[in-house]
Amino acid sequence: MEINDNIIELIDENDNVTRFEHLLTLDYDGNEYIIITPLEPMDGFEEDTVVILRVEQDDNGDDIFVPIEDEDELDEVYEAFVQFVEEAEDDVEN
C-alpha cells in the first residue's frame, strides 16, 4: 500500500498494483473506514463505484485496509457515506 496525496495504490497477492482515488476517511461505530474509487476502469466495477475498506493495524502498528465481509456492516457504512455526501452537498448549496 502506498498513499500519495489522494492516490492510493493497493497491491494484491499477485503483486498487481491498482490505483484508487481516496474520497473520504469515515469514522463510524468505533471503526475507521476509507472510501476509494478506481482511477482506471476495472473489470467488475461500474463507473462511479466506490470501495469501502476498514482500516486496521498490523502487528507493527501500520495501517492496513481490510475488505468488509459482513453485508450489514457494509450497508451501514455505505449509508453513512451517502448521508455525509448529501449533507456536504446541502452545505455547499446554502
N, C-alpha and C. Protein backbone atom coordinates (compact mmCIF):
# COMPACT_ATOMS: atom_id res chain seq x y z
N MET A 1 0.85 -1.18 0.00
CA MET A 1 0.00 0.00 0.00
C MET A 1 0.89 1.23 0.00
N GLU A 2 0.51 2.19 -0.82
CA GLU A 2 1.23 3.47 -0.86
C GLU A 2 0.20 4.57 -0.99
N ILE A 3 0.37 5.64 -0.21
CA ILE A 3 -0.55 6.77 -0.26
C ILE A 3 0.22 8.02 -0.67
N ASN A 4 -0.21 8.65 -1.75
CA ASN A 4 0.36 9.93 -2.20
C ASN A 4 -0.80 10.88 -2.41
N ASP A 5 -0.86 11.94 -1.59
CA ASP A 5 -1.97 12.88 -1.66
C ASP A 5 -3.28 12.10 -1.59
N ASN A 6 -4.08 12.16 -2.66
CA ASN A 6 -5.36 11.45 -2.66
C ASN A 6 -5.32 10.17 -3.47
N ILE A 7 -4.13 9.70 -3.85
CA ILE A 7 -4.00 8.49 -4.64
C ILE A 7 -3.48 7.37 -3.74
N ILE A 8 -4.18 6.24 -3.77
CA ILE A 8 -3.77 5.07 -3.00
C ILE A 8 -3.49 3.95 -3.99
N GLU A 9 -2.34 3.32 -3.84
CA GLU A 9 -2.01 2.16 -4.66
C GLU A 9 -2.13 0.92 -3.79
N LEU A 10 -3.01 0.02 -4.20
CA LEU A 10 -3.18 -1.24 -3.49
C LEU A 10 -2.52 -2.34 -4.29
N ILE A 11 -1.83 -3.22 -3.60
CA ILE A 11 -1.11 -4.32 -4.24
C ILE A 11 -1.76 -5.62 -3.81
N ASP A 12 -2.20 -6.42 -4.79
CA ASP A 12 -2.86 -7.67 -4.46
C ASP A 12 -1.85 -8.79 -4.24
N GLU A 13 -2.35 -10.00 -3.98
CA GLU A 13 -1.49 -11.14 -3.67
C GLU A 13 -0.60 -11.54 -4.85
N ASN A 14 -0.93 -11.08 -6.07
CA ASN A 14 -0.11 -11.38 -7.25
C ASN A 14 0.80 -10.20 -7.62
N ASP A 15 0.95 -9.26 -6.70
CA ASP A 15 1.77 -8.05 -6.90
C ASP A 15 1.25 -7.13 -7.99
N ASN A 16 -0.04 -7.23 -8.33
CA ASN A 16 -0.66 -6.29 -9.26
C ASN A 16 -1.02 -5.02 -8.51
N VAL A 17 -0.68 -3.88 -9.09
CA VAL A 17 -0.94 -2.58 -8.46
C VAL A 17 -2.19 -1.98 -9.09
N THR A 18 -3.12 -1.55 -8.25
CA THR A 18 -4.32 -0.85 -8.71
C THR A 18 -4.36 0.49 -8.00
N ARG A 19 -4.60 1.54 -8.79
CA ARG A 19 -4.62 2.90 -8.24
C ARG A 19 -6.06 3.35 -7.99
N PHE A 20 -6.26 3.95 -6.82
CA PHE A 20 -7.56 4.45 -6.41
C PHE A 20 -7.43 5.90 -5.96
N GLU A 21 -8.53 6.64 -6.09
CA GLU A 21 -8.60 7.97 -5.51
C GLU A 21 -9.25 7.84 -4.13
N HIS A 22 -8.61 8.41 -3.13
CA HIS A 22 -9.15 8.42 -1.77
C HIS A 22 -10.18 9.53 -1.68
N LEU A 23 -11.43 9.16 -1.45
CA LEU A 23 -12.52 10.14 -1.37
C LEU A 23 -12.74 10.63 0.05
N LEU A 24 -12.65 9.71 1.02
CA LEU A 24 -13.04 10.07 2.38
C LEU A 24 -12.54 9.03 3.36
N THR A 25 -12.15 9.48 4.53
CA THR A 25 -11.94 8.60 5.67
C THR A 25 -13.10 8.87 6.61
N LEU A 26 -13.79 7.81 7.01
CA LEU A 26 -15.03 7.94 7.77
C LEU A 26 -14.92 7.16 9.07
N ASP A 27 -15.19 7.85 10.18
CA ASP A 27 -15.30 7.16 11.47
C ASP A 27 -16.75 6.78 11.66
N TYR A 28 -16.99 5.49 11.91
CA TYR A 28 -18.36 5.03 12.08
C TYR A 28 -18.39 3.88 13.08
N ASP A 29 -19.21 4.02 14.09
CA ASP A 29 -19.45 2.96 15.07
C ASP A 29 -18.14 2.40 15.67
N GLY A 30 -17.22 3.31 15.97
CA GLY A 30 -15.98 2.91 16.62
C GLY A 30 -14.90 2.38 15.70
N ASN A 31 -15.15 2.36 14.40
CA ASN A 31 -14.16 1.90 13.43
C ASN A 31 -13.87 3.01 12.43
N GLU A 32 -12.74 2.88 11.77
CA GLU A 32 -12.36 3.83 10.73
C GLU A 32 -12.41 3.12 9.38
N TYR A 33 -12.95 3.81 8.38
CA TYR A 33 -13.11 3.24 7.04
C TYR A 33 -12.57 4.23 6.03
N ILE A 34 -12.06 3.70 4.91
CA ILE A 34 -11.73 4.57 3.79
C ILE A 34 -12.69 4.27 2.65
N ILE A 35 -13.06 5.32 1.95
CA ILE A 35 -13.90 5.19 0.77
C ILE A 35 -13.03 5.63 -0.40
N ILE A 36 -12.86 4.72 -1.36
CA ILE A 36 -11.99 4.97 -2.51
C ILE A 36 -12.74 4.61 -3.79
N THR A 37 -12.23 5.11 -4.91
CA THR A 37 -12.81 4.79 -6.22
C THR A 37 -11.67 4.53 -7.19
N PRO A 38 -11.83 3.54 -8.08
CA PRO A 38 -10.75 3.22 -9.03
C PRO A 38 -10.46 4.39 -9.96
N LEU A 39 -9.18 4.62 -10.25
CA LEU A 39 -8.80 5.69 -11.17
C LEU A 39 -8.96 5.27 -12.63
N GLU A 40 -8.77 3.99 -12.91
CA GLU A 40 -8.95 3.47 -14.26
C GLU A 40 -10.10 2.47 -14.25
N PRO A 41 -10.73 2.27 -15.42
CA PRO A 41 -11.80 1.27 -15.49
C PRO A 41 -11.28 -0.10 -15.04
N MET A 42 -12.13 -0.81 -14.30
CA MET A 42 -11.76 -2.14 -13.79
C MET A 42 -12.87 -3.12 -14.11
N ASP A 43 -12.48 -4.34 -14.42
CA ASP A 43 -13.48 -5.39 -14.64
C ASP A 43 -14.28 -5.58 -13.36
N GLY A 44 -15.58 -5.67 -13.50
CA GLY A 44 -16.44 -5.90 -12.36
C GLY A 44 -16.85 -4.64 -11.62
N PHE A 45 -16.35 -3.49 -12.04
CA PHE A 45 -16.70 -2.23 -11.40
C PHE A 45 -17.37 -1.31 -12.40
N GLU A 46 -18.53 -0.80 -12.04
CA GLU A 46 -19.19 0.19 -12.88
C GLU A 46 -18.58 1.56 -12.61
N GLU A 47 -18.81 2.49 -13.55
CA GLU A 47 -18.34 3.85 -13.35
C GLU A 47 -18.98 4.42 -12.08
N ASP A 48 -18.26 5.23 -11.35
CA ASP A 48 -18.71 5.85 -10.10
C ASP A 48 -18.86 4.86 -8.95
N THR A 49 -18.25 3.69 -9.07
CA THR A 49 -18.26 2.71 -7.99
C THR A 49 -17.33 3.17 -6.88
N VAL A 50 -17.76 2.97 -5.64
CA VAL A 50 -16.87 3.22 -4.51
C VAL A 50 -16.54 1.89 -3.84
N VAL A 51 -15.37 1.84 -3.26
CA VAL A 51 -14.92 0.68 -2.50
C VAL A 51 -14.75 1.15 -1.07
N ILE A 52 -15.29 0.37 -0.13
CA ILE A 52 -15.19 0.71 1.29
C ILE A 52 -14.34 -0.35 1.96
N LEU A 53 -13.29 0.09 2.64
CA LEU A 53 -12.40 -0.81 3.36
C LEU A 53 -12.27 -0.34 4.80
N ARG A 54 -12.20 -1.29 5.72
CA ARG A 54 -12.00 -0.97 7.13
C ARG A 54 -10.49 -0.79 7.36
N VAL A 55 -10.14 0.22 8.14
CA VAL A 55 -8.74 0.48 8.47
C VAL A 55 -8.43 -0.25 9.78
N GLU A 56 -7.43 -1.11 9.73
CA GLU A 56 -6.96 -1.82 10.92
C GLU A 56 -5.45 -1.64 11.00
N GLN A 57 -4.84 -2.11 12.07
CA GLN A 57 -3.40 -2.02 12.22
C GLN A 57 -2.80 -3.42 12.21
N ASP A 58 -1.65 -3.54 11.55
CA ASP A 58 -0.94 -4.81 11.56
C ASP A 58 -0.11 -4.92 12.84
N ASP A 59 0.69 -5.96 12.94
CA ASP A 59 1.49 -6.19 14.15
C ASP A 59 2.50 -5.09 14.41
N ASN A 60 2.87 -4.33 13.37
CA ASN A 60 3.82 -3.23 13.52
C ASN A 60 3.14 -1.90 13.79
N GLY A 61 1.80 -1.91 13.85
CA GLY A 61 1.07 -0.67 14.08
C GLY A 61 0.80 0.13 12.82
N ASP A 62 1.14 -0.44 11.66
CA ASP A 62 0.89 0.23 10.38
C ASP A 62 -0.55 -0.02 9.94
N ASP A 63 -1.13 0.99 9.28
CA ASP A 63 -2.49 0.84 8.77
C ASP A 63 -2.53 -0.18 7.65
N ILE A 64 -3.55 -1.03 7.69
CA ILE A 64 -3.85 -1.93 6.59
C ILE A 64 -5.33 -1.77 6.27
N PHE A 65 -5.68 -2.01 5.02
CA PHE A 65 -7.06 -1.85 4.57
C PHE A 65 -7.65 -3.23 4.35
N VAL A 66 -8.76 -3.49 5.04
CA VAL A 66 -9.36 -4.82 5.07
C VAL A 66 -10.74 -4.78 4.42
N PRO A 67 -11.00 -5.70 3.48
CA PRO A 67 -12.35 -5.76 2.90
C PRO A 67 -13.38 -6.09 3.99
N ILE A 68 -14.58 -5.56 3.83
CA ILE A 68 -15.66 -5.81 4.78
C ILE A 68 -16.47 -7.00 4.28
N GLU A 69 -16.49 -8.07 5.05
CA GLU A 69 -17.20 -9.27 4.63
C GLU A 69 -18.64 -9.30 5.12
N ASP A 70 -18.94 -8.59 6.20
CA ASP A 70 -20.29 -8.57 6.76
C ASP A 70 -21.15 -7.59 5.95
N GLU A 71 -22.17 -8.11 5.27
CA GLU A 71 -23.02 -7.28 4.41
C GLU A 71 -23.74 -6.19 5.20
N ASP A 72 -24.18 -6.50 6.42
CA ASP A 72 -24.86 -5.49 7.24
C ASP A 72 -23.92 -4.33 7.57
N GLU A 73 -22.70 -4.65 7.96
CA GLU A 73 -21.71 -3.61 8.26
C GLU A 73 -21.44 -2.77 7.02
N LEU A 74 -21.26 -3.43 5.88
CA LEU A 74 -21.00 -2.72 4.63
C LEU A 74 -22.16 -1.79 4.27
N ASP A 75 -23.39 -2.28 4.41
CA ASP A 75 -24.56 -1.45 4.11
C ASP A 75 -24.64 -0.24 5.04
N GLU A 76 -24.36 -0.45 6.32
CA GLU A 76 -24.43 0.65 7.28
C GLU A 76 -23.37 1.72 6.98
N VAL A 77 -22.17 1.30 6.66
CA VAL A 77 -21.10 2.26 6.37
C VAL A 77 -21.41 2.98 5.06
N TYR A 78 -21.93 2.27 4.08
CA TYR A 78 -22.30 2.92 2.82
C TYR A 78 -23.38 3.97 3.05
N GLU A 79 -24.37 3.65 3.85
CA GLU A 79 -25.44 4.62 4.15
C GLU A 79 -24.87 5.84 4.88
N ALA A 80 -23.92 5.62 5.79
CA ALA A 80 -23.28 6.75 6.49
C ALA A 80 -22.50 7.61 5.49
N PHE A 81 -21.86 6.98 4.51
CA PHE A 81 -21.14 7.71 3.46
C PHE A 81 -22.12 8.54 2.63
N VAL A 82 -23.22 7.94 2.21
CA VAL A 82 -24.22 8.65 1.41
C VAL A 82 -24.76 9.84 2.18
N GLN A 83 -25.06 9.64 3.47
CA GLN A 83 -25.57 10.73 4.30
C GLN A 83 -24.54 11.86 4.39
N PHE A 84 -23.27 11.51 4.57
CA PHE A 84 -22.21 12.51 4.64
C PHE A 84 -22.15 13.32 3.35
N VAL A 85 -22.21 12.64 2.20
CA VAL A 85 -22.15 13.32 0.90
C VAL A 85 -23.35 14.24 0.73
N GLU A 86 -24.54 13.76 1.09
CA GLU A 86 -25.75 14.58 0.96
C GLU A 86 -25.66 15.83 1.84
N GLU A 87 -25.18 15.67 3.07
CA GLU A 87 -25.04 16.82 3.96
C GLU A 87 -24.00 17.80 3.43
N ALA A 88 -22.92 17.29 2.87
CA ALA A 88 -21.89 18.17 2.30
C ALA A 88 -22.44 18.93 1.10
N GLU A 89 -23.24 18.27 0.28
CA GLU A 89 -23.86 18.94 -0.87
C GLU A 89 -24.83 20.02 -0.40
N ASP A 90 -25.59 19.74 0.66
CA ASP A 90 -26.51 20.74 1.21
C ASP A 90 -25.75 21.95 1.72
N ASP A 91 -24.60 21.72 2.38
CA ASP A 91 -23.79 22.82 2.90
C ASP A 91 -23.27 23.69 1.76
N VAL A 92 -22.89 23.08 0.65
CA VAL A 92 -22.37 23.83 -0.49
C VAL A 92 -23.47 24.67 -1.12
N GLU A 93 -24.68 24.13 -1.17
CA GLU A 93 -25.80 24.84 -1.77
C GLU A 93 -26.25 26.02 -0.92
N ASN A 94 -26.05 25.95 0.38
CA ASN A 94 -26.51 27.02 1.28
C ASN A 94 -25.47 28.04 1.47
